[in-house]
């Protein structure tokens, strides 16, 4: 409960990029197997978890992919630069 409340507070004070990369970081650290994850989660669900629009989610995913921070194959997202994701999350 405390973790959920802390996460909600952090998300409420961040910009969209910060919210999104924090969500990726949270999911990769706690729910999935390291940097390969999100095979079964919909982009709409990612948007909802990050508290941003689906359009913003898609734009951010494309930016992160273009900058080679993540890789997207089929519906699987893989973090290629986890240290950069952590820094983006902190700055967010």
N, C-alpha and C. Protein backbone atom coordinates (compact mmCIF):
# COMPACT_ATOMS: atom_id res chain seq x y z
N UNK A 1 0.82 -1.19 0.00
CA UNK A 1 0.00 0.00 0.00
C UNK A 1 0.87 1.26 0.00
N UNK A 2 1.91 1.27 0.82
CA UNK A 2 2.79 2.42 0.88
C UNK A 2 3.49 2.62 -0.46
N UNK A 3 3.95 1.52 -1.08
CA UNK A 3 4.63 1.61 -2.37
C UNK A 3 3.69 2.18 -3.42
N UNK A 4 2.45 1.75 -3.43
CA UNK A 4 1.48 2.25 -4.39
C UNK A 4 1.25 3.74 -4.19
N UNK A 5 1.11 4.18 -2.94
CA UNK A 5 0.89 5.59 -2.65
C UNK A 5 2.11 6.41 -3.05
N UNK A 6 3.31 5.92 -2.75
CA UNK A 6 4.54 6.61 -3.13
C UNK A 6 4.64 6.71 -4.65
N UNK A 7 4.32 5.62 -5.35
CA UNK A 7 4.36 5.62 -6.81
C UNK A 7 3.37 6.62 -7.39
N UNK A 8 2.18 6.69 -6.82
CA UNK A 8 1.16 7.62 -7.29
C UNK A 8 1.62 9.06 -7.08
N UNK A 9 2.27 9.35 -5.96
CA UNK A 9 2.77 10.69 -5.69
C UNK A 9 3.88 11.05 -6.67
N UNK A 10 4.78 10.13 -6.94
CA UNK A 10 5.87 10.38 -7.88
C UNK A 10 5.31 10.64 -9.27
N UNK A 11 4.36 9.84 -9.71
CA UNK A 11 3.78 10.02 -11.04
C UNK A 11 3.05 11.35 -11.18
N UNK A 12 2.45 11.83 -10.11
CA UNK A 12 1.67 13.06 -10.19
C UNK A 12 2.55 14.30 -10.37
N UNK A 13 3.84 14.20 -10.09
CA UNK A 13 4.72 15.37 -10.17
C UNK A 13 5.68 15.34 -11.36
N UNK A 14 5.54 14.40 -12.26
CA UNK A 14 6.48 14.23 -13.36
C UNK A 14 5.87 14.62 -14.70
N UNK A 15 6.75 14.88 -15.68
CA UNK A 15 6.27 15.10 -17.04
C UNK A 15 5.98 13.74 -17.69
N UNK A 16 5.43 13.75 -18.89
CA UNK A 16 5.03 12.49 -19.52
C UNK A 16 6.19 11.54 -19.74
N UNK A 17 7.34 12.05 -20.17
CA UNK A 17 8.50 11.18 -20.37
C UNK A 17 8.93 10.55 -19.05
N UNK A 18 8.98 11.37 -18.01
CA UNK A 18 9.36 10.86 -16.70
C UNK A 18 8.39 9.81 -16.19
N UNK A 19 7.10 10.07 -16.37
CA UNK A 19 6.09 9.10 -15.95
C UNK A 19 6.25 7.78 -16.69
N UNK A 20 6.47 7.89 -18.00
CA UNK A 20 6.55 6.68 -18.81
C UNK A 20 7.79 5.86 -18.49
N UNK A 21 8.97 6.51 -18.43
CA UNK A 21 10.19 5.74 -18.17
C UNK A 21 10.18 5.20 -16.74
N UNK A 22 9.56 5.91 -15.81
CA UNK A 22 9.43 5.39 -14.44
C UNK A 22 8.58 4.13 -14.43
N UNK A 23 7.53 4.13 -15.24
CA UNK A 23 6.68 2.94 -15.35
C UNK A 23 7.46 1.78 -15.96
N UNK A 24 8.22 2.04 -17.02
CA UNK A 24 9.05 0.99 -17.62
C UNK A 24 10.03 0.43 -16.60
N UNK A 25 10.66 1.33 -15.87
CA UNK A 25 11.64 0.91 -14.86
C UNK A 25 10.99 0.08 -13.77
N UNK A 26 9.84 0.53 -13.31
CA UNK A 26 9.10 -0.22 -12.27
C UNK A 26 8.74 -1.62 -12.77
N UNK A 27 8.20 -1.71 -13.97
CA UNK A 27 7.79 -3.00 -14.50
C UNK A 27 9.00 -3.91 -14.74
N UNK A 28 10.09 -3.36 -15.21
CA UNK A 28 11.26 -4.20 -15.48
C UNK A 28 11.91 -4.67 -14.18
N UNK A 29 11.86 -3.85 -13.14
CA UNK A 29 12.49 -4.21 -11.87
C UNK A 29 11.65 -5.17 -11.03
N UNK A 30 10.34 -4.99 -11.05
CA UNK A 30 9.54 -5.72 -10.08
C UNK A 30 8.61 -6.79 -10.62
N UNK A 31 8.18 -6.66 -11.83
CA UNK A 31 7.14 -7.57 -12.30
C UNK A 31 7.59 -8.54 -13.38
N UNK A 32 8.64 -8.20 -14.09
CA UNK A 32 9.03 -9.00 -15.23
C UNK A 32 10.48 -9.43 -15.10
N UNK A 33 10.96 -10.11 -16.07
CA UNK A 33 12.30 -10.69 -16.05
C UNK A 33 13.33 -9.71 -16.61
N UNK A 34 13.75 -8.78 -15.79
CA UNK A 34 14.82 -7.87 -16.20
C UNK A 34 14.44 -6.93 -17.32
N UNK A 35 15.27 -6.89 -18.36
CA UNK A 35 15.07 -5.90 -19.41
C UNK A 35 14.15 -6.36 -20.53
N UNK A 36 13.84 -7.66 -20.61
CA UNK A 36 12.89 -8.17 -21.61
C UNK A 36 11.53 -8.32 -20.95
N UNK A 37 10.57 -7.57 -21.40
CA UNK A 37 9.25 -7.67 -20.79
C UNK A 37 8.19 -7.08 -21.69
N UNK A 38 7.02 -7.00 -21.18
CA UNK A 38 5.88 -6.37 -21.85
C UNK A 38 5.44 -7.07 -23.11
N UNK A 39 5.54 -8.36 -23.10
CA UNK A 39 5.07 -9.14 -24.24
C UNK A 39 3.55 -9.21 -24.27
N UNK A 40 2.95 -9.23 -23.09
CA UNK A 40 1.51 -9.45 -23.04
C UNK A 40 0.73 -8.21 -22.60
N UNK A 41 1.39 -7.09 -22.44
CA UNK A 41 0.70 -5.89 -21.99
C UNK A 41 0.41 -4.98 -23.19
N UNK A 42 -0.76 -4.43 -23.22
CA UNK A 42 -1.17 -3.54 -24.30
C UNK A 42 -0.62 -2.14 -24.07
N UNK A 43 -0.42 -1.42 -25.15
CA UNK A 43 0.07 -0.04 -25.02
C UNK A 43 -0.92 0.81 -24.23
N UNK A 44 -2.19 0.54 -24.38
CA UNK A 44 -3.22 1.27 -23.62
C UNK A 44 -3.02 1.03 -22.13
N UNK A 45 -2.69 -0.21 -21.76
CA UNK A 45 -2.43 -0.51 -20.35
C UNK A 45 -1.17 0.21 -19.85
N UNK A 46 -0.14 0.28 -20.69
CA UNK A 46 1.06 1.03 -20.34
C UNK A 46 0.72 2.50 -20.11
N UNK A 47 -0.08 3.05 -21.00
CA UNK A 47 -0.50 4.45 -20.87
C UNK A 47 -1.25 4.66 -19.56
N UNK A 48 -2.16 3.76 -19.26
CA UNK A 48 -2.93 3.87 -18.02
C UNK A 48 -2.03 3.77 -16.79
N UNK A 49 -1.08 2.84 -16.81
CA UNK A 49 -0.15 2.70 -15.68
C UNK A 49 0.70 3.95 -15.49
N UNK A 50 1.07 4.59 -16.58
CA UNK A 50 1.91 5.78 -16.51
C UNK A 50 1.08 7.06 -16.32
N UNK A 51 -0.23 6.94 -16.38
CA UNK A 51 -1.15 8.08 -16.26
C UNK A 51 -0.93 9.12 -17.36
N UNK A 52 -0.73 8.61 -18.58
CA UNK A 52 -0.59 9.49 -19.74
C UNK A 52 -1.48 8.96 -20.86
N UNK A 53 -1.64 9.74 -21.91
CA UNK A 53 -2.51 9.32 -23.01
C UNK A 53 -1.84 8.24 -23.86
N UNK A 54 -2.65 7.52 -24.59
CA UNK A 54 -2.14 6.51 -25.52
C UNK A 54 -1.28 7.17 -26.60
N UNK A 55 -1.70 8.32 -27.07
CA UNK A 55 -0.93 9.04 -28.08
C UNK A 55 0.46 9.41 -27.54
N UNK A 56 0.54 9.90 -26.33
CA UNK A 56 1.84 10.23 -25.72
C UNK A 56 2.69 8.98 -25.54
N UNK A 57 2.06 7.88 -25.15
CA UNK A 57 2.78 6.61 -24.98
C UNK A 57 3.42 6.19 -26.29
N UNK A 58 2.64 6.24 -27.37
CA UNK A 58 3.17 5.84 -28.67
C UNK A 58 4.31 6.75 -29.12
N UNK A 59 4.17 8.05 -28.91
CA UNK A 59 5.23 8.99 -29.29
C UNK A 59 6.51 8.72 -28.49
N UNK A 60 6.38 8.51 -27.21
CA UNK A 60 7.54 8.26 -26.36
C UNK A 60 8.21 6.94 -26.72
N UNK A 61 7.41 5.91 -26.97
CA UNK A 61 7.98 4.63 -27.40
C UNK A 61 8.78 4.78 -28.68
N UNK A 62 8.24 5.52 -29.64
CA UNK A 62 8.96 5.73 -30.90
C UNK A 62 10.24 6.53 -30.69
N UNK A 63 10.20 7.52 -29.81
CA UNK A 63 11.41 8.30 -29.52
C UNK A 63 12.48 7.43 -28.87
N UNK A 64 12.07 6.65 -27.88
CA UNK A 64 13.03 5.77 -27.19
C UNK A 64 13.60 4.73 -28.14
N UNK A 65 12.77 4.24 -29.05
CA UNK A 65 13.23 3.28 -30.04
C UNK A 65 14.22 3.94 -31.01
N UNK A 66 13.87 5.12 -31.49
CA UNK A 66 14.73 5.85 -32.42
C UNK A 66 16.09 6.16 -31.80
N UNK A 67 16.11 6.46 -30.50
CA UNK A 67 17.35 6.78 -29.79
C UNK A 67 18.07 5.52 -29.31
N UNK A 68 17.53 4.35 -29.68
CA UNK A 68 18.11 3.05 -29.34
C UNK A 68 18.25 2.83 -27.83
N UNK A 69 17.27 3.35 -27.10
CA UNK A 69 17.20 3.14 -25.66
C UNK A 69 16.39 1.88 -25.38
N UNK A 70 15.40 1.63 -26.24
CA UNK A 70 14.61 0.40 -26.17
C UNK A 70 14.57 -0.23 -27.55
N UNK A 71 14.18 -1.48 -27.58
CA UNK A 71 13.96 -2.20 -28.83
C UNK A 71 12.54 -2.74 -28.79
N UNK A 72 11.84 -2.62 -29.89
CA UNK A 72 10.48 -3.15 -29.98
C UNK A 72 10.45 -4.14 -31.12
N UNK A 73 10.14 -5.39 -30.79
CA UNK A 73 9.97 -6.43 -31.80
C UNK A 73 8.65 -7.12 -31.53
N UNK A 74 7.82 -7.15 -32.56
CA UNK A 74 6.45 -7.63 -32.41
C UNK A 74 5.82 -6.79 -31.32
N UNK A 75 5.37 -7.34 -30.25
CA UNK A 75 4.82 -6.52 -29.17
C UNK A 75 5.69 -6.57 -27.92
N UNK A 76 6.91 -7.02 -28.10
CA UNK A 76 7.83 -7.14 -26.99
C UNK A 76 8.73 -5.91 -26.90
N UNK A 77 8.85 -5.36 -25.71
CA UNK A 77 9.72 -4.21 -25.48
C UNK A 77 10.93 -4.69 -24.68
N UNK A 78 12.11 -4.30 -25.15
CA UNK A 78 13.34 -4.67 -24.45
C UNK A 78 14.13 -3.39 -24.17
N UNK A 79 14.52 -3.22 -22.93
CA UNK A 79 15.33 -2.07 -22.56
C UNK A 79 16.77 -2.37 -22.94
N UNK A 80 17.37 -1.52 -23.77
CA UNK A 80 18.75 -1.71 -24.21
C UNK A 80 19.73 -0.93 -23.33
N UNK A 81 19.27 0.20 -22.81
CA UNK A 81 20.14 1.06 -22.00
C UNK A 81 19.46 1.33 -20.66
N UNK A 82 19.56 0.35 -19.76
CA UNK A 82 18.85 0.45 -18.49
C UNK A 82 19.38 1.58 -17.61
N UNK A 83 20.68 1.86 -17.66
CA UNK A 83 21.23 2.96 -16.87
C UNK A 83 20.66 4.30 -17.33
N UNK A 84 20.49 4.46 -18.62
CA UNK A 84 19.91 5.69 -19.16
C UNK A 84 18.44 5.81 -18.75
N UNK A 85 17.73 4.70 -18.78
CA UNK A 85 16.32 4.71 -18.32
C UNK A 85 16.25 5.14 -16.86
N UNK A 86 17.17 4.66 -16.05
CA UNK A 86 17.20 5.05 -14.63
C UNK A 86 17.46 6.55 -14.47
N UNK A 87 18.39 7.08 -15.27
CA UNK A 87 18.68 8.52 -15.19
C UNK A 87 17.50 9.34 -15.67
N UNK A 88 16.86 8.89 -16.75
CA UNK A 88 15.68 9.60 -17.25
C UNK A 88 14.55 9.59 -16.22
N UNK A 89 14.42 8.46 -15.53
CA UNK A 89 13.40 8.33 -14.50
C UNK A 89 13.67 9.29 -13.35
N UNK A 90 14.92 9.41 -12.96
CA UNK A 90 15.29 10.30 -11.86
C UNK A 90 15.08 11.76 -12.24
N UNK A 91 15.37 12.10 -13.48
CA UNK A 91 15.25 13.48 -13.94
C UNK A 91 13.80 13.88 -14.19
N UNK A 92 12.97 12.90 -14.55
CA UNK A 92 11.63 12.98 -15.00
C UNK A 92 10.68 13.95 -14.59
